[in-house]
Amino acid sequence: RRADRLRAFDAAARRAGLAWERFEAADGSDAAAVADARFDERWDATKNAARDRHVAPGPRVATSGERGCALSHAELWREAASSEGWTLVVEDDCRFHPRWQEELAAVWPLVPSDASMVYLGFSDRGERAYVDAEERVFRPSYGFQTHCYAIREPAATAFLEALPVAGPVDVWLADNDWFGVHVYVAIKPGGGWRNTGTYLATQAGQVGDADVRQSSRDAAREALRDAAAVDGAVDDAPPTPETSRG
């Protein structure tokens, strides 16, 4: 719905040499989306909190943006489940590595043949299990973000069979260990956070610019505000996120 984001994405995709097809995302505030049985707004942030210092554990109610995001991905999984080969799912705030084509060509042969989902942009937490000598591909133990991933039928079918999505779609996948499917993350060695590698795709925008409000962090922020109010000093500044979910 944001023409500026779409124009910026189109320019980024053209620079990366990508031909793309627009998918109309679901509006999470629409009555049909609210009634959609493929999404459950009630979820628990306990596992998420163990991996993200900005999140407090406990029950949550998902935001309308999280609903729309999850339903959009579910619809794309339906298409991927009925397609041959790989489907690349990219959100409109995605930005590609300056050498996207070259880096993708270098890393893709290293992806194990059993892969059915490959993150090209990610924010991982926990241990990495590398599967190649160059340390360009690893199995994640936990992580966030869905702005750029490749998926094919086995993963798409598994996720569809596991519906409804409960809460943020990226957290739901990680909380459930991706429902047993073979998931990998591809990186370029060197650079990135503490020199742990550079992702082939990142998210654009400044902190607070995301269209999707995060129920996990909003609740944590309110808890901090309540605690501060007891002491007589309320700090209204939002916590600085380490990741922005689409």
Protein backbone atom coordinates (compact mmCIF):
# COMPACT_ATOMS: atom_id res chain seq x y z
CA ARG A 1 0.00 0.00 0.00
CA ARG A 2 3.06 2.28 0.19
CA ALA A 3 4.00 3.45 -3.28
CA ASP A 4 7.34 4.78 -2.02
CA ARG A 5 8.34 1.37 -0.71
CA LEU A 6 7.30 -0.32 -3.95
CA ARG A 7 9.30 2.12 -6.07
CA ALA A 8 12.36 1.67 -3.87
CA PHE A 9 12.04 -2.11 -4.03
CA ASP A 10 11.64 -2.09 -7.80
CA ALA A 11 14.83 -0.06 -8.13
CA ALA A 12 16.69 -2.43 -5.81
CA ALA A 13 15.44 -5.50 -7.68
CA ARG A 14 16.46 -4.03 -11.02
CA ARG A 15 19.96 -3.32 -9.71
CA ALA A 16 20.15 -6.94 -8.57
CA GLY A 17 18.99 -8.19 -11.96
CA LEU A 18 15.81 -9.71 -10.56
CA ALA A 19 12.57 -10.07 -12.47
CA TRP A 20 9.73 -10.10 -9.96
CA GLU A 21 5.99 -10.45 -9.70
CA ARG A 22 3.93 -8.39 -7.27
CA PHE A 23 1.76 -10.25 -4.77
CA GLU A 24 -1.05 -8.32 -3.10
CA ALA A 25 -0.48 -8.72 0.63
CA ALA A 26 -3.31 -9.35 3.07
CA ASP A 27 -4.68 -6.48 5.13
CA GLY A 28 -4.66 -7.74 8.71
CA SER A 29 -7.32 -5.28 9.80
CA ASP A 30 -9.79 -6.42 7.15
CA ALA A 31 -12.82 -8.36 8.47
CA ALA A 32 -12.03 -11.35 6.27
CA ALA A 33 -8.48 -11.49 7.63
CA VAL A 34 -9.67 -11.21 11.22
CA ALA A 35 -11.97 -14.20 10.62
CA ASP A 36 -9.33 -16.23 8.74
CA ALA A 37 -8.75 -19.53 10.55
CA ARG A 38 -5.19 -19.74 9.26
CA PHE A 39 -4.08 -17.28 11.94
CA ASP A 40 -4.33 -17.33 15.73
CA GLU A 41 -3.71 -13.97 17.37
CA ARG A 42 -2.91 -15.57 20.74
CA TRP A 43 0.67 -16.66 21.22
CA ASP A 44 3.36 -16.97 23.87
CA ALA A 45 6.59 -14.95 23.74
CA THR A 46 8.53 -17.07 26.25
CA LYS A 47 10.84 -18.75 23.72
CA ASN A 48 11.20 -15.47 21.86
CA ALA A 49 12.19 -13.68 25.07
CA ALA A 50 14.95 -16.20 25.71
CA ARG A 51 16.57 -15.09 22.44
CA ASP A 52 15.74 -11.36 22.39
CA ARG A 53 16.57 -9.08 25.31
CA HIS A 54 13.91 -6.58 24.21
CA VAL A 55 11.10 -9.10 24.71
CA ALA A 56 9.41 -10.05 27.97
CA PRO A 57 8.08 -13.62 28.31
CA GLY A 58 4.39 -14.42 28.54
CA PRO A 59 1.17 -14.43 26.53
CA ARG A 60 0.58 -11.92 23.76
CA VAL A 61 -2.11 -10.83 21.34
CA ALA A 62 -0.76 -10.32 17.83
CA THR A 63 -1.19 -7.03 16.00
CA SER A 64 -3.17 -6.61 12.80
CA GLY A 65 0.10 -6.09 10.94
CA GLU A 66 1.41 -9.43 12.18
CA ARG A 67 -1.84 -11.04 11.06
CA GLY A 68 -1.57 -9.57 7.58
CA CYS A 69 2.09 -10.57 7.29
CA ALA A 70 1.41 -14.16 8.36
CA LEU A 71 -1.59 -14.60 6.05
CA SER A 72 0.39 -13.19 3.13
CA HIS A 73 3.19 -15.70 3.68
CA ALA A 74 0.66 -18.53 4.10
CA GLU A 75 -0.86 -17.68 0.74
CA LEU A 76 2.56 -17.69 -0.89
CA TRP A 77 3.28 -21.07 0.71
CA ARG A 78 0.11 -22.35 -0.95
CA GLU A 79 1.44 -21.26 -4.31
CA ALA A 80 4.89 -22.72 -3.61
CA ALA A 81 3.35 -26.04 -2.56
CA SER A 82 1.78 -26.42 -5.99
CA SER A 83 4.83 -25.23 -7.93
CA GLU A 84 7.84 -27.08 -9.26
CA GLY A 85 11.24 -25.94 -8.10
CA TRP A 86 12.01 -22.97 -5.92
CA THR A 87 9.95 -19.86 -5.14
CA LEU A 88 11.78 -16.76 -3.95
CA VAL A 89 9.69 -14.82 -1.41
CA VAL A 90 10.77 -11.21 -0.93
CA GLU A 91 9.14 -8.46 1.14
CA ASP A 92 9.02 -4.91 -0.19
CA ASP A 93 11.57 -3.54 2.28
CA CYS A 94 14.21 -6.02 1.12
CA ARG A 95 17.51 -4.76 -0.24
CA PHE A 96 19.97 -6.97 -2.06
CA HIS A 97 23.72 -7.39 -1.77
CA PRO A 98 25.54 -5.23 -4.37
CA ARG A 99 26.88 -8.45 -5.89
CA TRP A 100 23.63 -10.38 -5.48
CA GLN A 101 23.90 -12.47 -8.63
CA GLU A 102 27.56 -13.35 -8.10
CA GLU A 103 27.16 -14.17 -4.41
CA LEU A 104 24.04 -16.24 -5.01
CA ALA A 105 25.78 -18.17 -7.77
CA ALA A 106 28.73 -18.82 -5.45
CA VAL A 107 26.71 -20.04 -2.46
CA TRP A 108 23.84 -21.95 -4.06
CA PRO A 109 25.92 -25.01 -5.10
CA LEU A 110 26.87 -25.38 -1.42
CA VAL A 111 23.25 -25.67 -0.26
CA PRO A 112 22.50 -29.33 0.62
CA SER A 113 20.21 -31.16 -1.77
CA ASP A 114 17.72 -31.88 1.03
CA ALA A 115 17.04 -28.17 1.56
CA SER A 116 13.45 -27.05 1.24
CA MET A 117 13.86 -23.54 2.68
CA VAL A 118 16.89 -21.27 2.41
CA TYR A 119 17.10 -17.89 4.11
CA LEU A 120 19.06 -15.30 2.13
CA GLY A 121 18.37 -12.67 4.78
CA PHE A 122 18.09 -13.57 8.46
CA SER A 123 18.85 -12.56 12.04
CA ASP A 124 20.04 -15.70 13.75
CA ARG A 125 20.28 -16.47 17.44
CA GLY A 126 22.09 -19.42 18.96
CA GLU A 127 24.50 -21.94 17.50
CA ARG A 128 25.19 -22.31 13.80
CA ALA A 129 25.73 -25.76 12.31
CA TYR A 130 27.80 -25.16 9.19
CA VAL A 131 27.48 -27.72 6.43
CA ASP A 132 30.34 -26.65 4.16
CA ALA A 133 34.08 -26.07 4.54
CA GLU A 134 33.76 -22.43 3.44
CA GLU A 135 31.24 -21.70 6.22
CA ARG A 136 28.77 -20.12 3.85
CA VAL A 137 25.75 -22.30 4.66
CA PHE A 138 24.48 -23.28 8.10
CA ARG A 139 21.49 -24.82 9.83
CA PRO A 140 19.99 -22.25 12.19
CA SER A 141 18.94 -23.06 15.74
CA TYR A 142 16.73 -19.97 16.06
CA GLY A 143 16.23 -16.64 14.36
CA PHE A 144 14.00 -13.94 12.96
CA GLN A 145 12.91 -12.25 9.72
CA THR A 146 11.13 -13.32 6.56
CA HIS A 147 12.18 -10.56 4.15
CA CYS A 148 14.01 -12.89 1.73
CA TYR A 149 13.88 -16.67 1.53
CA ALA A 150 13.64 -19.41 -1.06
CA ILE A 151 11.11 -22.18 -0.47
CA ARG A 152 9.89 -25.28 -2.27
CA GLU A 153 7.13 -27.80 -1.88
CA PRO A 154 8.23 -29.89 1.16
CA ALA A 155 8.61 -26.85 3.43
CA ALA A 156 5.56 -25.09 2.03
CA THR A 157 3.41 -28.18 2.56
CA ALA A 158 4.72 -28.69 6.11
CA PHE A 159 3.95 -25.10 7.07
CA LEU A 160 0.47 -25.27 5.56
CA GLU A 161 -0.27 -28.48 7.46
CA ALA A 162 0.86 -26.80 10.69
CA LEU A 163 -1.53 -23.83 10.36
CA PRO A 164 -2.76 -21.72 12.02
CA VAL A 165 0.20 -19.40 12.42
CA ALA A 166 0.20 -18.22 16.03
CA GLY A 167 1.62 -14.71 16.36
CA PRO A 168 4.50 -13.31 14.27
CA VAL A 169 5.23 -15.71 11.43
CA ASP A 170 9.02 -15.63 11.80
CA VAL A 171 8.84 -16.37 15.52
CA TRP A 172 6.24 -19.11 14.96
CA LEU A 173 8.55 -20.88 12.53
CA ALA A 174 11.59 -20.65 14.82
CA ASP A 175 9.64 -21.55 17.98
CA ASN A 176 8.54 -24.75 16.26
CA ASP A 177 11.96 -25.56 14.79
CA TRP A 178 10.51 -25.06 11.32
CA PHE A 179 8.32 -28.13 11.82
CA GLY A 180 11.16 -30.49 11.05
CA VAL A 181 11.85 -29.36 7.49
CA HIS A 182 15.40 -28.93 6.21
CA VAL A 183 16.15 -25.22 6.61
CA TYR A 184 19.44 -23.48 5.90
CA VAL A 185 20.86 -19.96 5.89
CA ALA A 186 23.25 -18.71 3.21
CA ILE A 187 25.80 -15.97 3.88
CA LYS A 188 28.94 -14.37 2.48
CA PRO A 189 31.86 -14.96 4.87
CA GLY A 190 33.22 -11.89 6.63
CA GLY A 191 31.60 -8.60 7.51
CA GLY A 192 28.30 -8.28 9.28
CA TRP A 193 27.79 -8.31 13.02
CA ARG A 194 31.09 -9.13 14.75
CA ASN A 195 32.41 -10.40 11.43
CA THR A 196 30.02 -13.37 11.50
CA GLY A 197 29.10 -13.02 7.85
CA THR A 198 27.14 -10.83 5.47
CA TYR A 199 23.61 -11.72 4.41
CA LEU A 200 22.73 -11.58 0.74
CA ALA A 201 19.61 -9.56 1.58
CA THR A 202 18.84 -7.04 4.32
CA GLN A 203 15.91 -4.86 5.34
CA ALA A 204 15.78 -1.15 4.52
CA GLY A 205 14.50 1.62 6.74
CA GLN A 206 15.28 3.26 10.02
CA VAL A 207 14.33 2.03 13.48
CA GLY A 208 10.61 2.59 13.95
CA ASP A 209 9.89 2.77 10.21
CA ALA A 210 8.46 -0.74 9.98
CA ASP A 211 4.80 -1.01 8.95
CA VAL A 212 4.24 -4.00 11.21
CA ARG A 213 3.95 -3.29 14.94
CA GLN A 214 5.53 -6.06 16.99
CA SER A 215 3.33 -7.44 19.74
CA SER A 216 6.34 -8.95 21.51
CA ARG A 217 8.23 -5.71 21.87
CA ASP A 218 5.22 -3.46 22.36
CA ALA A 219 4.30 -5.50 25.42
CA ALA A 220 7.85 -5.36 26.73
CA ARG A 221 7.88 -1.61 26.25
CA GLU A 222 4.63 -1.22 28.19
CA ALA A 223 6.06 -3.32 31.02
CA LEU A 224 9.11 -1.07 31.19
CA ARG A 225 6.91 2.03 31.18
CA ASP A 226 4.79 0.65 34.01
CA ALA A 227 7.89 -0.10 36.05
CA ALA A 228 9.23 3.38 35.40
CA ALA A 229 5.91 4.94 36.35
CA VAL A 230 6.10 3.27 39.75
CA ASP A 231 9.42 5.03 40.28
CA GLY A 232 7.90 8.30 39.12
CA ALA A 233 9.83 8.62 35.87
CA VAL A 234 8.39 7.34 32.60
CA ASP A 235 10.77 6.94 29.68
CA ASP A 236 8.65 6.94 26.52
CA ALA A 237 11.53 6.07 24.18
CA PRO A 238 11.05 2.69 22.46
CA PRO A 239 13.73 0.06 22.94
CA THR A 240 16.17 -0.10 20.06
CA PRO A 241 15.33 -3.30 18.15
CA GLU A 242 18.01 -5.65 16.94
CA THR A 243 15.82 -6.81 14.11
CA SER A 244 12.79 -5.63 12.20
CA ARG A 245 10.23 -8.15 11.15
CA GLY A 246 8.17 -7.96 8.03
